[in-house]
PDB file of N, CA and C in Angstrom:
ATOM      1  N   UNK A   1       1.697   7.660   0.142  1.00  0.00           N
ATOM      2  CA  UNK A   1       1.536   8.044  -1.429  1.00  0.00           C
ATOM      3  C   UNK A   1       3.170   7.321  -2.183  1.00  0.00           C
ATOM      4  N   UNK A   2       3.328   6.414  -3.348  1.00  0.00           N
ATOM      5  CA  UNK A   2       4.338   6.137  -3.475  1.00  0.00           C
ATOM      6  C   UNK A   2       4.573   7.817  -5.155  1.00  0.00           C
ATOM      7  N   UNK A   3       5.644   7.589  -4.774  1.00  0.00           N
ATOM      8  CA  UNK A   3       7.338   8.614  -6.239  1.00  0.00           C
ATOM      9  C   UNK A   3       5.893   8.291  -7.511  1.00  0.00           C
ATOM     10  N   UNK A   4       5.554   7.312  -7.807  1.00  0.00           N
ATOM     11  CA  UNK A   4       4.794   7.586  -8.743  1.00  0.00           C
ATOM     12  C   UNK A   4       3.313   7.893  -9.199  1.00  0.00           C
ATOM     13  N   UNK A   5       2.868   7.756  -7.405  1.00  0.00           N
ATOM     14  CA  UNK A   5       1.333   8.204  -7.296  1.00  0.00           C
ATOM     15  C   UNK A   5       1.319   9.666  -7.103  1.00  0.00           C
ATOM     16  N   UNK A   6       2.180   9.585  -6.731  1.00  0.00           N
ATOM     17  CA  UNK A   6       2.724  11.537  -6.582  1.00  0.00           C
ATOM     18  C   UNK A   6       3.044  12.831  -7.341  1.00  0.00           C
ATOM     19  N   UNK A   7       3.838  11.463  -8.523  1.00  0.00           N
ATOM     20  CA  UNK A   7       3.972  12.182 -10.564  1.00  0.00           C
ATOM     21  C   UNK A   7       2.035  12.197 -10.532  1.00  0.00           C
ATOM     22  N   UNK A   8       1.661  11.747 -10.758  1.00  0.00           N
ATOM     23  CA  UNK A   8       0.657  11.378 -11.398  1.00  0.00           C
ATOM     24  C   UNK A   8      -0.315  12.280 -11.188  1.00  0.00           C
ATOM     25  N   UNK A   9      -0.479  12.326  -8.737  1.00  0.00           N
ATOM     26  CA  UNK A   9      -1.538  14.063  -8.763  1.00  0.00           C
ATOM     27  C   UNK A   9      -0.738  14.935  -9.666  1.00  0.00           C
ATOM     28  N   UNK A  10       0.696  15.265  -9.488  1.00  0.00           N
ATOM     29  CA  UNK A  10       0.552  15.995  -9.885  1.00  0.00           C
ATOM     30  C   UNK A  10      -0.197  16.916 -11.423  1.00  0.00           C
ATOM     31  N   UNK A  11      -0.061  15.405 -12.047  1.00  0.00           N
ATOM     32  CA  UNK A  11      -0.392  15.472 -13.999  1.00  0.00           C
ATOM     33  C   UNK A  11      -1.877  15.555 -13.383  1.00  0.00           C
ATOM     34  N   UNK A  12      -2.288  14.949 -12.451  1.00  0.00           N
ATOM     35  CA  UNK A  12      -4.671  15.058 -12.218  1.00  0.00           C
ATOM     36  C   UNK A  12      -4.759  16.114 -11.838  1.00  0.00           C
ATOM     37  N   UNK A  13      -3.449  17.564 -10.607  1.00  0.00           N
ATOM     38  CA  UNK A  13      -4.054  19.069 -10.813  1.00  0.00           C
ATOM     39  C   UNK A  13      -3.955  19.932 -11.328  1.00  0.00           C
ATOM     40  N   UNK A  14      -3.333  19.603 -12.203  1.00  0.00           N
ATOM     41  CA  UNK A  14      -2.794  20.312 -13.670  1.00  0.00           C
ATOM     42  C   UNK A  14      -4.122  20.012 -14.380  1.00  0.00           C
ATOM     43  N   UNK A  15      -4.236  18.461 -14.936  1.00  0.00           N
ATOM     44  CA  UNK A  15      -5.830  18.011 -15.678  1.00  0.00           C
ATOM     45  C   UNK A  15      -6.779  19.012 -15.489  1.00  0.00           C
ATOM     46  N   UNK A  16      -7.044  19.193 -13.843  1.00  0.00           N
ATOM     47  CA  UNK A  16      -8.843  19.333 -13.603  1.00  0.00           C
ATOM     48  C   UNK A  16      -8.871  20.752 -13.874  1.00  0.00           C
ATOM     49  N   UNK A  17      -7.482  21.690 -14.072  1.00  0.00           N
ATOM     50  CA  UNK A  17      -7.129  23.313 -13.086  1.00  0.00           C
ATOM     51  C   UNK A  17      -8.100  23.360 -11.752  1.00  0.00           C
ATOM     52  N   UNK A  18      -8.761  24.395 -11.517  1.00  0.00           N
ATOM     53  CA  UNK A  18      -9.485  24.342 -10.743  1.00  0.00           C
ATOM     54  C   UNK A  18     -11.097  24.725 -10.866  1.00  0.00           C
ATOM     55  N   UNK A  19     -11.414  23.417 -11.512  1.00  0.00           N
ATOM     56  CA  UNK A  19     -12.854  22.941 -11.406  1.00  0.00           C
ATOM     57  C   UNK A  19     -12.858  23.215 -10.662  1.00  0.00           C
ATOM     58  N   UNK A  20     -11.945  21.392 -10.376  1.00  0.00           N
ATOM     59  CA  UNK A  20     -13.057  19.849  -9.529  1.00  0.00           C
ATOM     60  C   UNK A  20     -11.449  19.726  -8.877  1.00  0.00           C
ATOM     61  N   UNK A  21     -11.988  19.681  -7.896  1.00  0.00           N
ATOM     62  CA  UNK A  21     -11.426  18.886  -6.609  1.00  0.00           C
ATOM     63  C   UNK A  21     -10.569  16.973  -6.850  1.00  0.00           C
ATOM     64  N   UNK A  22      -9.292  17.209  -6.572  1.00  0.00           N
ATOM     65  CA  UNK A  22      -8.612  15.734  -6.631  1.00  0.00           C
ATOM     66  C   UNK A  22      -8.327  15.000  -5.250  1.00  0.00           C
ATOM     67  N   UNK A  23      -9.514  13.945  -4.298  1.00  0.00           N
ATOM     68  CA  UNK A  23      -8.999  14.019  -3.476  1.00  0.00           C
ATOM     69  C   UNK A  23      -8.022  12.021  -3.607  1.00  0.00           C
ATOM     70  N   UNK A  24      -6.404  12.217  -3.170  1.00  0.00           N
ATOM     71  CA  UNK A  24      -6.292  10.690  -2.790  1.00  0.00           C
ATOM     72  C   UNK A  24      -6.559  10.068  -2.727  1.00  0.00           C
ATOM     73  N   UNK A  25      -6.401   9.085  -2.466  1.00  0.00           N
ATOM     74  CA  UNK A  25      -6.213   7.291  -1.468  1.00  0.00           C
ATOM     75  C   UNK A  25      -7.607   7.375  -0.584  1.00  0.00           C
ATOM     76  N   UNK A  26      -9.092   7.471  -1.352  1.00  0.00           N
ATOM     77  CA  UNK A  26     -10.188   7.392  -0.321  1.00  0.00           C
ATOM     78  C   UNK A  26     -10.961   5.794  -1.509  1.00  0.00           C
ATOM     79  N   UNK A  27     -11.077   6.255   0.810  1.00  0.00           N
ATOM     80  CA  UNK A  27     -11.663   4.302   1.093  1.00  0.00           C
ATOM     81  C   UNK A  27     -13.286   4.218   0.000  1.00  0.00           C
ATOM     82  N   UNK A  28     -13.914   4.297  -0.631  1.00  0.00           N
ATOM     83  CA  UNK A  28     -15.602   4.192  -1.440  1.00  0.00           C
ATOM     84  C   UNK A  28     -15.506   4.703  -0.246  1.00  0.00           C
ATOM     85  N   UNK A  29     -16.353   3.977   0.651  1.00  0.00           N
ATOM     86  CA  UNK A  29     -16.799   4.465   2.183  1.00  0.00           C
ATOM     87  C   UNK A  29     -17.237   5.666   1.922  1.00  0.00           C
ATOM     88  N   UNK A  30     -16.299   6.717   2.280  1.00  0.00           N
ATOM     89  CA  UNK A  30     -16.151   7.492   2.158  1.00  0.00           C
ATOM     90  C   UNK A  30     -16.821   9.175   1.075  1.00  0.00           C
ATOM     91  N   UNK A  31     -17.828   8.448   0.374  1.00  0.00           N
ATOM     92  CA  UNK A  31     -17.934   8.778  -0.541  1.00  0.00           C
ATOM     93  C   UNK A  31     -18.953   8.699  -1.176  1.00  0.00           C
ATOM     94  N   UNK A  32     -18.980   6.815  -1.407  1.00  0.00           N
ATOM     95  CA  UNK A  32     -20.614   5.880  -1.273  1.00  0.00           C
ATOM     96  C   UNK A  32     -20.882   5.720  -0.239  1.00  0.00           C
ATOM     97  N   UNK A  33     -22.570   5.320   0.047  1.00  0.00           N
ATOM     98  CA  UNK A  33     -23.720   4.688   0.210  1.00  0.00           C
ATOM     99  C   UNK A  33     -24.374   6.021   1.658  1.00  0.00           C
ATOM    100  N   UNK A  34     -24.815   7.037   1.200  1.00  0.00           N
ATOM    101  CA  UNK A  34     -24.757   7.680   1.373  1.00  0.00           C
ATOM    102  C   UNK A  34     -25.908   8.160   3.274  1.00  0.00           C
ATOM    103  N   UNK A  35     -26.844   7.267   2.082  1.00  0.00           N
ATOM    104  CA  UNK A  35     -28.858   6.440   2.167  1.00  0.00           C
ATOM    105  C   UNK A  35     -29.124   5.712   2.910  1.00  0.00           C
ATOM    106  N   UNK A  36     -28.335   6.020   4.268  1.00  0.00           N
ATOM    107  CA  UNK A  36     -27.811   4.832   5.350  1.00  0.00           C
ATOM    108  C   UNK A  36     -29.040   3.681   5.577  1.00  0.00           C
ATOM    109  N   UNK A  37     -29.951   5.053   5.336  1.00  0.00           N
ATOM    110  CA  UNK A  37     -31.893   3.956   6.462  1.00  0.00           C
ATOM    111  C   UNK A  37     -31.616   1.930   4.570  1.00  0.00           C
ATOM    112  N   UNK A  38     -31.386   2.473   4.041  1.00  0.00           N
ATOM    113  CA  UNK A  38     -30.980   1.093   3.551  1.00  0.00           C
ATOM    114  C   UNK A  38     -30.634   0.052   4.258  1.00  0.00           C
ATOM    115  N   UNK A  39     -31.236  -1.371   4.265  1.00  0.00           N
ATOM    116  CA  UNK A  39     -30.419  -2.263   5.722  1.00  0.00           C
ATOM    117  C   UNK A  39     -29.492  -3.126   5.609  1.00  0.00           C
ATOM    118  N   UNK A  40     -28.586  -3.601   4.150  1.00  0.00           N
ATOM    119  CA  UNK A  40     -27.890  -3.752   4.083  1.00  0.00           C
ATOM    120  C   UNK A  40     -26.881  -2.813   4.125  1.00  0.00           C
ATOM    121  N   UNK A  41     -26.867  -2.088   5.014  1.00  0.00           N
ATOM    122  CA  UNK A  41     -25.814  -0.458   4.978  1.00  0.00           C
ATOM    123  C   UNK A  41     -24.516  -1.351   5.328  1.00  0.00           C
ATOM    124  N   UNK A  42     -24.975  -0.776   6.772  1.00  0.00           N
ATOM    125  CA  UNK A  42     -23.959  -2.074   7.979  1.00  0.00           C
ATOM    126  C   UNK A  42     -22.605  -2.737   7.230  1.00  0.00           C
ATOM    127  N   UNK A  43     -23.510  -3.474   6.132  1.00  0.00           N
ATOM    128  CA  UNK A  43     -22.414  -5.067   5.125  1.00  0.00           C
ATOM    129  C   UNK A  43     -21.708  -4.026   4.520  1.00  0.00           C
ATOM    130  N   UNK A  44     -22.222  -3.999   3.504  1.00  0.00           N
ATOM    131  CA  UNK A  44     -22.805  -2.463   2.470  1.00  0.00           C
ATOM    132  C   UNK A  44     -20.734  -1.999   3.137  1.00  0.00           C
ATOM    133  N   UNK A  45     -20.921  -0.777   3.956  1.00  0.00           N
ATOM    134  CA  UNK A  45     -20.209   0.137   5.195  1.00  0.00           C
ATOM    135  C   UNK A  45     -19.030  -0.871   4.920  1.00  0.00           C
ATOM    136  N   UNK A  46     -19.261  -2.114   5.854  1.00  0.00           N
ATOM    137  CA  UNK A  46     -18.742  -2.963   6.304  1.00  0.00           C
ATOM    138  C   UNK A  46     -16.785  -2.886   4.799  1.00  0.00           C
ATOM    139  N   UNK A  47     -17.510  -4.155   4.235  1.00  0.00           N
ATOM    140  CA  UNK A  47     -17.014  -4.331   3.272  1.00  0.00           C
ATOM    141  C   UNK A  47     -16.672  -3.145   1.931  1.00  0.00           C
ATOM    142  N   UNK A  48     -17.656  -2.542   1.623  1.00  0.00           N
ATOM    143  CA  UNK A  48     -16.388  -1.443   0.951  1.00  0.00           C
ATOM    144  C   UNK A  48     -15.370  -0.553   1.931  1.00  0.00           C
ATOM    145  N   UNK A  49     -15.130  -0.600   2.986  1.00  0.00           N
ATOM    146  CA  UNK A  49     -14.443   0.007   3.508  1.00  0.00           C
ATOM    147  C   UNK A  49     -13.491  -0.214   3.886  1.00  0.00           C
ATOM    148  N   UNK A  50     -13.363  -0.795   2.910  1.00  0.00           N
ATOM    149  CA  UNK A  50     -11.493  -2.447   3.310  1.00  0.00           C
ATOM    150  C   UNK A  50     -11.376  -0.835   1.694  1.00  0.00           C
ATOM    151  N   UNK A  51     -12.104  -1.377   1.138  1.00  0.00           N
ATOM    152  CA  UNK A  51     -11.558  -0.108  -0.465  1.00  0.00           C
ATOM    153  C   UNK A  51     -11.347   0.420  -0.201  1.00  0.00           C
ATOM    154  N   UNK A  52     -10.499   1.237  -1.452  1.00  0.00           N
ATOM    155  CA  UNK A  52     -10.177   2.293  -2.029  1.00  0.00           C
ATOM    156  C   UNK A  52      -9.706   2.206  -3.459  1.00  0.00           C
ATOM    157  N   UNK A  53     -10.051   3.393  -3.584  1.00  0.00           N
ATOM    158  CA  UNK A  53      -9.615   4.600  -4.950  1.00  0.00           C
ATOM    159  C   UNK A  53      -8.828   5.257  -5.350  1.00  0.00           C
ATOM    160  N   UNK A  54      -7.788   5.383  -5.513  1.00  0.00           N
ATOM    161  CA  UNK A  54      -6.399   6.039  -5.520  1.00  0.00           C
ATOM    162  C   UNK A  54      -6.743   7.486  -5.927  1.00  0.00           C
ATOM    163  N   UNK A  55      -7.533   8.054  -5.764  1.00  0.00           N
ATOM    164  CA  UNK A  55      -7.990   9.291  -6.507  1.00  0.00           C
ATOM    165  C   UNK A  55      -9.107   9.421  -6.961  1.00  0.00           C
ATOM    166  N   UNK A  56     -10.059  10.517  -5.931  1.00  0.00           N
ATOM    167  CA  UNK A  56     -11.147  11.241  -7.084  1.00  0.00           C
ATOM    168  C   UNK A  56     -10.572  12.375  -7.590  1.00  0.00           C
ATOM    169  N   UNK A  57     -12.184  12.189  -8.257  1.00  0.00           N
ATOM    170  CA  UNK A  57     -12.124  13.743  -8.838  1.00  0.00           C
ATOM    171  C   UNK A  57     -13.819  14.184  -8.216  1.00  0.00           C
ATOM    172  N   UNK A  58     -13.759  15.171  -8.283  1.00  0.00           N
ATOM    173  CA  UNK A  58     -15.405  15.973  -7.225  1.00  0.00           C
ATOM    174  C   UNK A  58     -15.325  17.380  -7.669  1.00  0.00           C
ATOM    175  N   UNK A  59     -16.782  17.312  -7.866  1.00  0.00           N
ATOM    176  CA  UNK A  59     -16.923  19.043  -7.369  1.00  0.00           C
ATOM    177  C   UNK A  59     -16.828  19.754  -7.372  1.00  0.00           C
ATOM    178  N   UNK A  60     -16.427  20.971  -7.815  1.00  0.00           N
ATOM    179  CA  UNK A  60     -16.339  22.400  -5.866  1.00  0.00           C
ATOM    180  C   UNK A  60     -17.350  22.233  -5.083  1.00  0.00           C
ATOM    181  N   UNK A  61     -18.417  22.864  -5.917  1.00  0.00           N
ATOM    182  CA  UNK A  61     -19.695  23.397  -4.850  1.00  0.00           C
ATOM    183  C   UNK A  61     -19.861  22.122  -3.921  1.00  0.00           C
ATOM    184  N   UNK A  62     -19.707  21.161  -4.170  1.00  0.00           N
ATOM    185  CA  UNK A  62     -20.588  20.095  -2.573  1.00  0.00           C
ATOM    186  C   UNK A  62     -19.586  19.010  -3.195  1.00  0.00           C
ATOM    187  N   UNK A  63     -18.753  18.629  -3.625  1.00  0.00           N
ATOM    188  CA  UNK A  63     -17.800  17.807  -2.992  1.00  0.00           C
ATOM    189  C   UNK A  63     -18.232  16.612  -3.649  1.00  0.00           C
ATOM    190  N   UNK A  64     -19.094  16.675  -4.656  1.00  0.00           N
ATOM    191  CA  UNK A  64     -19.337  15.484  -5.359  1.00  0.00           C
ATOM    192  C   UNK A  64     -18.599  14.314  -6.142  1.00  0.00           C
ATOM    193  N   UNK A  65     -18.556  13.707  -6.371  1.00  0.00           N
ATOM    194  CA  UNK A  65     -17.554  12.799  -6.496  1.00  0.00           C
ATOM    195  C   UNK A  65     -17.955  12.703  -8.464  1.00  0.00           C
ATOM    196  N   UNK A  66     -16.777  12.178  -9.014  1.00  0.00           N
ATOM    197  CA  UNK A  66     -17.583  12.324 -10.543  1.00  0.00           C
ATOM    198  C   UNK A  66     -16.673  11.180 -11.090  1.00  0.00           C
ATOM    199  N   UNK A  67     -15.832  11.368 -10.252  1.00  0.00           N
ATOM    200  CA  UNK A  67     -14.647  10.028 -11.741  1.00  0.00           C
ATOM    201  C   UNK A  67     -13.396   9.173 -10.504  1.00  0.00           C
ATOM    202  N   UNK A  68     -13.116   8.382 -10.599  1.00  0.00           N
ATOM    203  CA  UNK A  68     -12.875   7.776 -10.271  1.00  0.00           C
ATOM    204  C   UNK A  68     -11.948   7.579 -10.509  1.00  0.00           C
ATOM    205  N   UNK A  69     -10.004   7.592  -9.898  1.00  0.00           N
ATOM    206  CA  UNK A  69      -9.320   6.534 -10.847  1.00  0.00           C
ATOM    207  C   UNK A  69      -8.435   5.753 -10.238  1.00  0.00           C
ATOM    208  N   UNK A  70      -7.493   5.093 -11.038  1.00  0.00           N
ATOM    209  CA  UNK A  70      -7.137   3.779 -10.997  1.00  0.00           C
ATOM    210  C   UNK A  70      -5.806   4.109 -11.169  1.00  0.00           C
ATOM    211  N   UNK A  71      -4.294   3.504 -10.502  1.00  0.00           N
ATOM    212  CA  UNK A  71      -3.021   3.797 -11.496  1.00  0.00           C
ATOM    213  C   UNK A  71      -3.234   1.511 -11.722  1.00  0.00           C
ATOM    214  N   UNK A  72      -3.151   1.282 -12.598  1.00  0.00           N
ATOM    215  CA  UNK A  72      -2.887   0.289 -12.038  1.00  0.00           C
ATOM    216  C   UNK A  72      -1.470  -0.609 -12.745  1.00  0.00           C
ATOM    217  N   UNK A  73      -0.451  -0.461 -11.568  1.00  0.00           N
ATOM    218  CA  UNK A  73       0.918  -1.396 -12.245  1.00  0.00           C
ATOM    219  C   UNK A  73       1.659  -3.254 -11.894  1.00  0.00           C
ATOM    220  N   UNK A  74       2.034  -3.130 -12.116  1.00  0.00           N
ATOM    221  CA  UNK A  74       2.014  -5.473 -12.054  1.00  0.00           C
ATOM    222  C   UNK A  74       2.403  -5.619 -10.844  1.00  0.00           C
ATOM    223  N   UNK A  75       1.288  -4.916  -9.658  1.00  0.00           N
ATOM    224  CA  UNK A  75       1.075  -5.246  -8.545  1.00  0.00           C
ATOM    225  C   UNK A  75      -0.758  -6.163  -8.899  1.00  0.00           C
ATOM    226  N   UNK A  76      -1.408  -5.446  -9.920  1.00  0.00           N
ATOM    227  CA  UNK A  76      -2.311  -5.787 -10.717  1.00  0.00           C
ATOM    228  C   UNK A  76      -2.849  -6.736 -11.250  1.00  0.00           C
ATOM    229  N   UNK A  77      -1.222  -7.553 -11.923  1.00  0.00           N
ATOM    230  CA  UNK A  77      -1.936  -8.455 -12.329  1.00  0.00           C
ATOM    231  C   UNK A  77      -1.722 -10.456 -11.564  1.00  0.00           C
ATOM    232  N   UNK A  78      -2.010  -9.613 -10.274  1.00  0.00           N
ATOM    233  CA  UNK A  78      -1.773 -10.840  -8.271  1.00  0.00           C
ATOM    234  C   UNK A  78      -3.448 -11.732  -8.473  1.00  0.00           C
ATOM    235  N   UNK A  79      -3.627 -12.328  -8.465  1.00  0.00           N
ATOM    236  CA  UNK A  79      -4.806 -12.754  -8.168  1.00  0.00           C
ATOM    237  C   UNK A  79      -5.682 -11.803  -7.881  1.00  0.00           C
ATOM    238  N   UNK A  80      -5.214 -11.957  -6.808  1.00  0.00           N
ATOM    239  CA  UNK A  80      -5.815 -10.900  -5.142  1.00  0.00           C
ATOM    240  C   UNK A  80      -6.622  -9.916  -5.309  1.00  0.00           C
ATOM    241  N   UNK A  81      -5.343  -9.274  -6.624  1.00  0.00           N
ATOM    242  CA  UNK A  81      -5.396  -8.295  -6.564  1.00  0.00           C
ATOM    243  C   UNK A  81      -6.762  -7.898  -7.694  1.00  0.00           C
ATOM    244  N   UNK A  82      -6.202  -8.795  -9.076  1.00  0.00           N
ATOM    245  CA  UNK A  82      -7.276  -8.777  -9.353  1.00  0.00           C
ATOM    246  C   UNK A  82      -8.691  -8.810  -9.548  1.00  0.00           C
ATOM    247  N   UNK A  83      -9.297  -9.772  -8.033  1.00  0.00           N
ATOM    248  CA  UNK A  83     -10.706  -9.980  -7.706  1.00  0.00           C
ATOM    249  C   UNK A  83     -11.247  -8.364  -7.172  1.00  0.00           C
ATOM    250  N   UNK A  84     -10.281  -8.135  -6.600  1.00  0.00           N
ATOM    251  CA  UNK A  84     -10.297  -6.536  -5.829  1.00  0.00           C
ATOM    252  C   UNK A  84     -10.553  -5.844  -6.917  1.00  0.00           C
ATOM    253  N   UNK A  85      -9.846  -5.029  -8.182  1.00  0.00           N
ATOM    254  CA  UNK A  85     -10.010  -4.640  -8.711  1.00  0.00           C
ATOM    255  C   UNK A  85     -11.636  -4.389  -9.804  1.00  0.00           C
ATOM    256  N   UNK A  86     -12.350  -6.025  -9.600  1.00  0.00           N
ATOM    257  CA  UNK A  86     -13.216  -6.566 -10.115  1.00  0.00           C
ATOM    258  C   UNK A  86     -14.773  -6.253  -9.228  1.00  0.00           C
ATOM    259  N   UNK A  87     -13.980  -6.529  -8.036  1.00  0.00           N
ATOM    260  CA  UNK A  87     -15.131  -5.109  -6.842  1.00  0.00           C
ATOM    261  C   UNK A  87     -15.441  -4.337  -6.507  1.00  0.00           C
ATOM    262  N   UNK A  88     -13.835  -3.505  -6.823  1.00  0.00           N
ATOM    263  CA  UNK A  88     -14.084  -1.913  -7.783  1.00  0.00           C
ATOM    264  C   UNK A  88     -15.011  -1.021  -8.601  1.00  0.00           C
ATOM    265  N   UNK A  89     -14.760  -2.428  -9.847  1.00  0.00           N
ATOM    266  CA  UNK A  89     -15.783  -2.109 -10.138  1.00  0.00           C
ATOM    267  C   UNK A  89     -17.219  -1.884 -10.614  1.00  0.00           C
ATOM    268  N   UNK A  90     -17.069  -3.028 -10.224  1.00  0.00           N
ATOM    269  CA  UNK A  90     -18.645  -3.076 -10.015  1.00  0.00           C
ATOM    270  C   UNK A  90     -19.373  -2.988  -8.293  1.00  0.00           C
ATOM    271  N   UNK A  91     -18.879  -2.076  -7.966  1.00  0.00           N
ATOM    272  CA  UNK A  91     -18.915  -1.700  -6.656  1.00  0.00           C
ATOM    273  C   UNK A  91     -19.157   0.056  -7.554  1.00  0.00           C
ATOM    274  N   UNK A  92     -18.429   0.617  -7.528  1.00  0.00           N
ATOM    275  CA  UNK A  92     -18.802   2.223  -8.796  1.00  0.00           C
ATOM    276  C   UNK A  92     -19.907   1.661 -10.371  1.00  0.00           C
ATOM    277  N   UNK A  93     -19.891   0.616 -10.322  1.00  0.00           N
ATOM    278  CA  UNK A  93     -21.081   1.413 -11.632  1.00  0.00           C
ATOM    279  C   UNK A  93     -22.033   0.654 -10.588  1.00  0.00           C
ATOM    280  N   UNK A  94     -22.472   0.030  -9.780  1.00  0.00           N
ATOM    281  CA  UNK A  94     -23.628  -0.085  -9.254  1.00  0.00           C
ATOM    282  C   UNK A  94     -24.187   1.141  -9.098  1.00  0.00           C
ATOM    283  N   UNK A  95     -22.681   2.256  -8.616  1.00  0.00           N
ATOM    284  CA  UNK A  95     -23.178   3.862  -7.527  1.00  0.00           C
ATOM    285  C   UNK A  95     -23.223   4.853  -8.797  1.00  0.00           C
ATOM    286  N   UNK A  96     -22.886   4.438 -10.468  1.00  0.00           N
ATOM    287  CA  UNK A  96     -23.015   5.031 -11.530  1.00  0.00           C
ATOM    288  C   UNK A  96     -21.784   6.026 -11.420  1.00  0.00           C
ATOM    289  N   UNK A  97     -20.611   5.702 -11.093  1.00  0.00           N
ATOM    290  CA  UNK A  97     -19.276   6.302 -10.414  1.00  0.00           C
ATOM    291  C   UNK A  97     -18.896   5.753 -11.839  1.00  0.00           C
ATOM    292  N   UNK A  98     -18.588   6.723 -13.045  1.00  0.00           N
ATOM    293  CA  UNK A  98     -16.825   6.144 -13.311  1.00  0.00           C
ATOM    294  C   UNK A  98     -15.646   6.808 -12.967  1.00  0.00           C
ATOM    295  N   UNK A  99     -15.267   4.810 -13.349  1.00  0.00           N
ATOM    296  CA  UNK A  99     -13.971   4.586 -12.707  1.00  0.00           C
ATOM    297  C   UNK A  99     -12.999   4.247 -14.857  1.00  0.00           C
ATOM    298  N   UNK A 100     -11.253   5.804 -14.305  1.00  0.00           N
ATOM    299  CA  UNK A 100     -10.795   5.678 -15.447  1.00  0.00           C
ATOM    300  C   UNK A 100      -9.374   4.619 -14.707  1.00  0.00           C
ATOM    301  N   UNK A 101      -8.687   3.110 -15.589  1.00  0.00           N
ATOM    302  CA  UNK A 101      -7.591   2.938 -15.086  1.00  0.00           C
ATOM    303  C   UNK A 101      -6.546   3.148 -17.053  1.00  0.00           C
ATOM    304  N   UNK A 102      -5.316   3.348 -15.189  1.00  0.00           N
ATOM    305  CA  UNK A 102      -4.486   3.948 -16.589  1.00  0.00           C
ATOM    306  C   UNK A 102      -2.817   2.277 -15.494  1.00  0.00           C
ATOM    307  N   UNK A 103      -2.090   2.312 -16.133  1.00  0.00           N
ATOM    308  CA  UNK A 103      -1.560   1.443 -16.459  1.00  0.00           C
ATOM    309  C   UNK A 103      -0.333   2.284 -17.207  1.00  0.00           C
ATOM    310  N   UNK A 104       0.871   1.626 -16.785  1.00  0.00           N
ATOM    311  CA  UNK A 104       2.518   2.214 -17.771  1.00  0.00           C
ATOM    312  C   UNK A 104       1.695   3.628 -17.664  1.00  0.00           C
ATOM    313  N   UNK A 105       1.338   4.138 -16.807  1.00  0.00           N
ATOM    314  CA  UNK A 105       2.362   5.464 -16.917  1.00  0.00           C
ATOM    315  C   UNK A 105       3.152   6.157 -17.268  1.00  0.00           C
ATOM    316  N   UNK A 106       4.619   5.872 -17.202  1.00  0.00           N
ATOM    317  CA  UNK A 106       5.375   6.447 -17.463  1.00  0.00           C
ATOM    318  C   UNK A 106       6.182   6.018 -18.974  1.00  0.00           C
ATOM    319  N   UNK A 107       5.701   5.207 -20.011  1.00  0.00           N
ATOM    320  CA  UNK A 107       4.894   5.214 -21.023  1.00  0.00           C
ATOM    321  C   UNK A 107       3.479   6.841 -21.873  1.00  0.00           C
ATOM    322  N   UNK A 108       3.018   6.907 -21.311  1.00  0.00           N
ATOM    323  CA  UNK A 108       1.875   7.521 -20.925  1.00  0.00           C
ATOM    324  C   UNK A 108       2.341   9.296 -21.447  1.00  0.00           C
ATOM    325  N   UNK A 109       2.053   9.640 -21.686  1.00  0.00           N
ATOM    326  CA  UNK A 109       2.724  11.259 -21.367  1.00  0.00           C
ATOM    327  C   UNK A 109       1.346  12.457 -21.341  1.00  0.00           C
ATOM    328  N   UNK A 110       1.541  13.676 -20.833  1.00  0.00           N
ATOM    329  CA  UNK A 110       0.280  13.744 -19.280  1.00  0.00           C
ATOM    330  C   UNK A 110      -0.825  14.495 -20.387  1.00  0.00           C
ATOM    331  N   UNK A 111      -0.091  15.375 -21.747  1.00  0.00           N
ATOM    332  CA  UNK A 111      -1.531  15.606 -23.113  1.00  0.00           C
ATOM    333  C   UNK A 111      -1.540  14.483 -22.728  1.00  0.00           C
ATOM    334  N   UNK A 112      -2.454  12.671 -23.107  1.00  0.00           N
ATOM    335  CA  UNK A 112      -3.091  11.630 -22.812  1.00  0.00           C
ATOM    336  C   UNK A 112      -3.518  11.501 -21.633  1.00  0.00           C
ATOM    337  N   UNK A 113      -3.699  11.809 -20.704  1.00  0.00           N
ATOM    338  CA  UNK A 113      -3.457  11.208 -19.012  1.00  0.00           C
ATOM    339  C   UNK A 113      -4.903  12.684 -19.363  1.00  0.00           C
ATOM    340  N   UNK A 114      -3.778  13.346 -19.554  1.00  0.00           N
ATOM    341  CA  UNK A 114      -4.970  15.324 -19.457  1.00  0.00           C
ATOM    342  C   UNK A 114      -6.275  14.578 -19.959  1.00  0.00           C
ATOM    343  N   UNK A 115      -5.670  14.783 -21.437  1.00  0.00           N
ATOM    344  CA  UNK A 115      -7.555  14.173 -22.271  1.00  0.00           C
ATOM    345  C   UNK A 115      -8.417  13.224 -22.097  1.00  0.00           C
ATOM    346  N   UNK A 116      -7.224  12.015 -21.862  1.00  0.00           N
ATOM    347  CA  UNK A 116      -8.210  11.041 -20.783  1.00  0.00           C
ATOM    348  C   UNK A 116      -9.724  11.927 -19.919  1.00  0.00           C
ATOM    349  N   UNK A 117      -8.973  12.145 -19.312  1.00  0.00           N
ATOM    350  CA  UNK A 117      -9.391  12.733 -18.074  1.00  0.00           C
ATOM    351  C   UNK A 117     -10.356  12.954 -18.215  1.00  0.00           C
ATOM    352  N   UNK A 118      -9.886  14.943 -19.131  1.00  0.00           N
ATOM    353  CA  UNK A 118     -11.735  15.852 -19.820  1.00  0.00           C
ATOM    354  C   UNK A 118     -12.407  14.689 -19.676  1.00  0.00           C
ATOM    355  N   UNK A 119     -12.535  13.761 -21.089  1.00  0.00           N
ATOM    356  CA  UNK A 119     -13.721  13.132 -21.819  1.00  0.00           C
ATOM    357  C   UNK A 119     -14.255  12.880 -20.540  1.00  0.00           C
ATOM    358  N   UNK A 120     -13.358  11.977 -20.081  1.00  0.00           N
ATOM    359  CA  UNK A 120     -13.989  11.203 -18.812  1.00  0.00           C
ATOM    360  C   UNK A 120     -15.504  12.294 -17.936  1.00  0.00           C
ATOM    361  N   UNK A 121     -14.397  13.161 -17.733  1.00  0.00           N
ATOM    362  CA  UNK A 121     -15.165  14.456 -17.505  1.00  0.00           C
ATOM    363  C   UNK A 121     -16.987  14.691 -17.554  1.00  0.00           C
ATOM    364  N   UNK A 122     -16.428  15.112 -19.704  1.00  0.00           N
ATOM    365  CA  UNK A 122     -17.883  14.857 -19.544  1.00  0.00           C
ATOM    366  C   UNK A 122     -18.937  14.043 -20.347  1.00  0.00           C
ATOM    367  N   UNK A 123     -18.750  12.988 -20.037  1.00  0.00           N
ATOM    368  CA  UNK A 123     -19.003  12.728 -20.252  1.00  0.00           C
ATOM    369  C   UNK A 123     -20.706  11.968 -19.425  1.00  0.00           C
TER     370      UNK A 123
END
């Protein structure tokens, strides 16, 4: 992880306390598409296995994903990254998993980050 991602990880840990797990750098296929009975599963898995999100917050009892989080730095302004971000958003929306994006975290207070995460987890 980059320094910014590492620093943000520490804020996430404080934000969720001991109520949730936070997993960094998760490939979508690690927590989506668990129903292998679907005929398109293999193709879908190959596609989403190439895509990861910065963090996934899961409940502690079943490790069920509750919220995906992305840090959007300057690289997210590139055309290819914009397409990838749209794909991530679409896949997570279809899976029913909320996605929370943060940009310019240096200008965002820890309390604002905590509030956004806690709000997203209570929806």
